[in-house]
Amino acid sequence: MIDIVFLDAGETILRPHPSFEELFSATAGARGYKITAREVSDVRERIAPHLVDLAAEDDDSEPVVTARGTSVSATESRSFWTHLYGSFLDELGIVDDALAGALYEVFSSAASYKLYDDVLPALHDITAAGHRLGLISNFERWLEDMLVELEVGGVFDVAVISGIEGVEKPDPGIYELALERAGADAAAAVHVGDSVGLDIEPAGAVGMHTVLLDRAGRYTSVAVPAGATIASLGELPDILDRL
């Protein structure tokens, strides 16, 4: 019997609005650069389909996958994200540190995000079935206030946010902390997220059930660890019924 369902935040329940690509294009346009959303999308698919996958480059200038230092402090967050936006700009032939900083400010504003359309119906169905709700997210501490602005701040019985706790995915400690706060056994908990490396593998390693939310079909040709895969949160209640 499933007691609690934990959800990731970014790209799981909320997203940049109207989209990452459109916000990027508009921010660049405000500084005089003509960049289309399509061009930004092409760069994203080339270097960072999952935005947190690009944190640094090795000696061969290849992307290095890491989840460290993205949100545990304001300084580390700014360093990580301005590096990433700078990498996008390099690919677009633009050298402008101030623009990378402007992009950081835009994507650090609650006004730039909204819930996916399937979130509120899914949350209703999950709680109506008798499950508690939790949140486990690699996000800066301002996520807490943004959830209130998005009118879901009081929905989660437990919210573990890396920028507040000082521990990030894929460290299993963040999942163990969430389970401890919830007073839940791992075997009676589910974690739903959009990343195999940050959500599915570490949550599974501590004994939780896992559900990969693959909205964009990024994992169709990738081996996914045991657990369900869905394309919409609307599919989640049926999955829970079978666990």
Protein backbone atom coordinates (compact mmCIF):
# COMPACT_ATOMS: atom_id res chain seq x y z
CA MET A 1 0.00 0.00 0.00
CA ILE A 2 1.45 3.35 -1.04
CA ASP A 3 1.46 5.90 1.76
CA ILE A 4 3.14 8.94 0.18
CA VAL A 5 3.91 10.12 -3.35
CA PHE A 6 6.90 12.44 -3.71
CA LEU A 7 7.22 14.64 -6.78
CA ASP A 8 10.14 16.49 -8.28
CA ALA A 9 9.53 20.18 -9.10
CA GLY A 10 11.26 21.47 -12.26
CA GLU A 11 10.04 19.83 -15.48
CA THR A 12 7.77 17.58 -13.38
CA ILE A 13 5.15 19.88 -11.87
CA LEU A 14 6.35 23.26 -13.10
CA ARG A 15 8.11 24.71 -16.13
CA PRO A 16 9.34 28.00 -17.56
CA HIS A 17 6.47 29.92 -19.14
CA PRO A 18 5.78 30.31 -22.00
CA SER A 19 8.85 28.07 -22.48
CA PHE A 20 12.57 28.04 -21.76
CA GLU A 21 13.31 28.76 -25.41
CA GLU A 22 10.88 31.67 -25.69
CA LEU A 23 12.06 33.30 -22.46
CA PHE A 24 15.67 32.92 -23.58
CA SER A 25 14.89 34.44 -26.99
CA ALA A 26 12.94 37.35 -25.48
CA THR A 27 15.66 38.13 -22.94
CA ALA A 28 18.32 38.15 -25.66
CA GLY A 29 16.06 40.25 -27.88
CA ALA A 30 15.75 42.89 -25.15
CA ARG A 31 19.54 43.33 -25.41
CA GLY A 32 19.49 43.60 -29.19
CA TYR A 33 20.25 40.00 -30.18
CA LYS A 34 17.96 38.37 -32.74
CA ILE A 35 17.74 34.77 -31.60
CA THR A 36 14.74 32.62 -32.38
CA ALA A 37 13.22 30.11 -30.01
CA ARG A 38 13.98 27.46 -32.63
CA GLU A 39 17.69 28.32 -32.51
CA VAL A 40 17.68 28.06 -28.72
CA SER A 41 15.87 24.71 -28.95
CA ASP A 42 18.49 23.40 -31.38
CA VAL A 43 21.28 24.35 -28.96
CA ARG A 44 19.44 22.76 -26.05
CA GLU A 45 19.04 19.46 -27.87
CA ARG A 46 22.70 19.55 -28.81
CA ILE A 47 24.30 20.36 -25.46
CA ALA A 48 21.77 20.01 -22.65
CA PRO A 49 18.43 18.30 -23.25
CA HIS A 50 18.18 18.19 -19.46
CA LEU A 51 19.36 21.63 -18.39
CA VAL A 52 21.10 20.41 -15.24
CA ASP A 53 23.19 17.95 -17.26
CA LEU A 54 25.71 20.60 -18.27
CA ALA A 55 27.68 22.01 -15.38
CA ALA A 56 31.26 22.12 -16.62
CA GLU A 57 33.54 21.08 -19.41
CA ASP A 58 36.45 18.71 -19.32
CA ASP A 59 39.78 19.20 -21.05
CA ASP A 60 38.26 18.15 -24.37
CA SER A 61 35.47 20.75 -24.05
CA GLU A 62 32.84 18.03 -23.69
CA PRO A 63 29.85 18.43 -21.38
CA VAL A 64 30.29 16.83 -17.97
CA VAL A 65 27.21 15.51 -16.22
CA THR A 66 27.04 16.56 -12.58
CA ALA A 67 24.38 17.58 -10.13
CA ARG A 68 26.68 19.20 -7.61
CA GLY A 69 26.47 22.87 -6.76
CA THR A 70 23.31 23.79 -8.62
CA SER A 71 21.22 25.01 -5.73
CA VAL A 72 22.75 24.57 -2.28
CA SER A 73 23.78 28.22 -2.04
CA ALA A 74 23.02 31.43 -3.91
CA THR A 75 26.66 31.74 -5.00
CA GLU A 76 26.88 28.19 -6.34
CA SER A 77 23.53 28.50 -8.06
CA ARG A 78 24.52 31.69 -9.88
CA SER A 79 27.86 30.15 -10.90
CA PHE A 80 26.23 26.99 -12.26
CA TRP A 81 23.44 28.65 -14.20
CA THR A 82 25.44 31.56 -15.62
CA HIS A 83 27.97 28.98 -16.83
CA LEU A 84 25.19 27.04 -18.52
CA TYR A 85 23.63 30.12 -20.12
CA GLY A 86 27.10 31.22 -21.22
CA SER A 87 27.53 27.83 -22.92
CA PHE A 88 24.27 28.41 -24.78
CA LEU A 89 25.43 31.85 -25.84
CA ASP A 90 28.79 30.47 -27.03
CA GLU A 91 26.91 28.02 -29.25
CA LEU A 92 24.88 30.93 -30.61
CA GLY A 93 28.01 32.97 -31.36
CA ILE A 94 27.39 35.54 -28.62
CA VAL A 95 29.91 36.73 -26.06
CA ASP A 96 28.05 38.75 -23.43
CA ASP A 97 28.53 38.03 -19.74
CA ALA A 98 25.88 40.60 -18.86
CA LEU A 99 23.32 38.69 -20.94
CA ALA A 100 24.17 35.46 -19.12
CA GLY A 101 23.52 37.34 -15.89
CA ALA A 102 20.24 38.72 -17.23
CA LEU A 103 19.14 35.20 -18.17
CA TYR A 104 19.91 34.05 -14.64
CA GLU A 105 17.68 36.79 -13.23
CA VAL A 106 14.82 35.89 -15.58
CA PHE A 107 14.96 32.18 -14.76
CA SER A 108 15.23 32.94 -11.04
CA SER A 109 11.91 34.77 -11.01
CA ALA A 110 8.68 33.07 -9.98
CA ALA A 111 6.95 35.10 -12.70
CA SER A 112 8.74 32.95 -15.28
CA TYR A 113 7.11 29.67 -14.21
CA LYS A 114 3.73 27.95 -14.23
CA LEU A 115 2.32 24.54 -13.41
CA TYR A 116 1.81 21.99 -16.14
CA ASP A 117 -1.86 21.60 -17.02
CA ASP A 118 -1.95 18.01 -15.74
CA VAL A 119 -0.67 18.84 -12.24
CA LEU A 120 -3.75 19.97 -10.33
CA PRO A 121 -6.01 17.16 -11.61
CA ALA A 122 -3.33 14.58 -10.78
CA LEU A 123 -2.75 15.98 -7.29
CA HIS A 124 -6.48 15.87 -6.65
CA ASP A 125 -6.75 12.26 -7.80
CA ILE A 126 -3.72 11.20 -5.75
CA THR A 127 -5.01 12.69 -2.51
CA ALA A 128 -8.57 11.48 -3.22
CA ALA A 129 -7.15 7.94 -3.37
CA GLY A 130 -5.81 8.38 0.16
CA HIS A 131 -2.14 9.05 -0.59
CA ARG A 132 -0.12 11.82 1.02
CA LEU A 133 1.92 14.16 -1.16
CA GLY A 134 5.56 15.18 -0.81
CA LEU A 135 8.12 17.17 -2.79
CA ILE A 136 11.83 16.44 -3.29
CA SER A 137 13.57 18.97 -5.49
CA ASN A 138 16.95 20.34 -6.47
CA PHE A 139 15.92 23.98 -6.43
CA GLU A 140 16.86 27.24 -4.81
CA ARG A 141 15.15 28.16 -1.54
CA TRP A 142 12.77 30.55 -3.32
CA LEU A 143 10.88 27.53 -4.67
CA GLU A 144 9.03 27.48 -1.33
CA ASP A 145 7.53 30.93 -1.99
CA MET A 146 6.88 30.14 -5.64
CA LEU A 147 4.80 27.12 -4.71
CA VAL A 148 2.64 29.41 -2.59
CA GLU A 149 2.27 31.83 -5.51
CA LEU A 150 1.26 28.91 -7.73
CA GLU A 151 -1.33 27.95 -5.09
CA VAL A 152 0.13 24.54 -4.27
CA GLY A 153 2.20 25.56 -1.26
CA GLY A 154 -0.13 23.84 1.17
CA VAL A 155 -0.63 20.68 -0.86
CA PHE A 156 2.54 18.89 0.21
CA ASP A 157 2.77 17.23 3.60
CA VAL A 158 6.57 17.25 3.27
CA ALA A 159 8.75 19.47 1.07
CA VAL A 160 12.50 18.85 0.91
CA ILE A 161 14.24 21.52 -1.19
CA SER A 162 17.99 21.29 -1.71
CA GLY A 163 18.57 25.04 -1.42
CA ILE A 164 17.12 24.94 2.08
CA GLU A 165 18.52 21.60 3.23
CA GLY A 166 22.04 21.85 1.80
CA VAL A 167 21.92 18.40 0.20
CA GLU A 168 21.20 17.72 -3.49
CA LYS A 169 20.16 14.88 -5.71
CA PRO A 170 21.59 12.40 -6.57
CA ASP A 171 22.80 12.17 -2.96
CA PRO A 172 20.56 9.50 -1.42
CA GLY A 173 20.59 11.57 1.75
CA ILE A 174 17.96 13.92 0.34
CA TYR A 175 15.59 10.99 -0.18
CA GLU A 176 16.34 9.57 3.24
CA LEU A 177 15.66 12.98 4.77
CA ALA A 178 12.30 13.19 2.99
CA LEU A 179 11.31 9.74 4.22
CA GLU A 180 12.34 10.60 7.76
CA ARG A 181 10.36 13.85 7.70
CA ALA A 182 7.33 12.01 6.34
CA GLY A 183 7.66 9.17 8.84
CA ALA A 184 7.33 6.81 5.89
CA ASP A 185 8.92 3.51 4.92
CA ALA A 186 10.72 3.57 1.57
CA ALA A 187 8.69 0.56 0.43
CA ALA A 188 5.49 2.54 0.94
CA ALA A 189 6.76 5.62 -0.93
CA VAL A 190 6.92 6.59 -4.59
CA HIS A 191 9.14 9.20 -6.17
CA VAL A 192 8.17 10.76 -9.50
CA GLY A 193 10.73 12.74 -11.48
CA ASP A 194 11.99 13.56 -14.94
CA SER A 195 15.64 12.49 -14.65
CA VAL A 196 17.02 8.96 -14.50
CA GLY A 197 20.28 10.06 -12.89
CA LEU A 198 18.85 12.52 -10.38
CA ASP A 199 15.47 10.98 -9.59
CA ILE A 200 15.02 7.36 -10.58
CA GLU A 201 18.38 5.80 -9.71
CA PRO A 202 18.96 7.44 -6.30
CA ALA A 203 15.32 7.07 -5.16
CA GLY A 204 15.39 3.42 -6.19
CA ALA A 205 18.67 2.95 -4.35
CA VAL A 206 17.04 3.83 -1.02
CA GLY A 207 14.18 1.41 -1.70
CA MET A 208 11.48 3.73 -3.01
CA HIS A 209 9.19 2.90 -5.90
CA THR A 210 10.01 5.10 -8.89
CA VAL A 211 8.09 6.60 -11.78
CA LEU A 212 9.94 8.36 -14.60
CA LEU A 213 7.98 11.25 -16.10
CA ASP A 214 9.25 11.52 -19.68
CA ARG A 215 7.15 14.34 -21.10
CA ALA A 216 9.38 14.96 -24.12
CA GLY A 217 10.26 11.34 -25.00
CA ARG A 218 13.93 11.86 -24.13
CA TYR A 219 14.38 8.36 -22.76
CA THR A 220 12.81 6.31 -25.52
CA SER A 221 16.20 4.94 -26.60
CA VAL A 222 17.79 4.84 -23.15
CA ALA A 223 17.75 1.96 -20.69
CA VAL A 224 15.65 3.00 -17.70
CA PRO A 225 15.98 1.23 -14.33
CA ALA A 226 13.07 -0.84 -13.06
CA GLY A 227 9.96 1.20 -12.43
CA ALA A 228 7.16 2.75 -14.45
CA THR A 229 7.58 5.37 -17.18
CA ILE A 230 4.80 7.82 -18.01
CA ALA A 231 4.38 10.72 -20.41
CA SER A 232 1.88 12.68 -18.31
CA LEU A 233 0.97 12.96 -14.66
CA GLY A 234 -2.52 11.98 -15.73
CA GLU A 235 -1.20 8.42 -15.97
CA LEU A 236 0.11 8.39 -12.41
CA PRO A 237 -3.05 7.48 -10.46
CA ASP A 238 -3.43 4.24 -12.45
CA ILE A 239 0.21 3.38 -11.74
CA LEU A 240 -0.33 3.94 -8.02
CA ASP A 241 -3.35 1.64 -8.06
CA ARG A 242 -1.13 -1.19 -9.25
CA LEU A 243 1.61 -0.74 -6.64
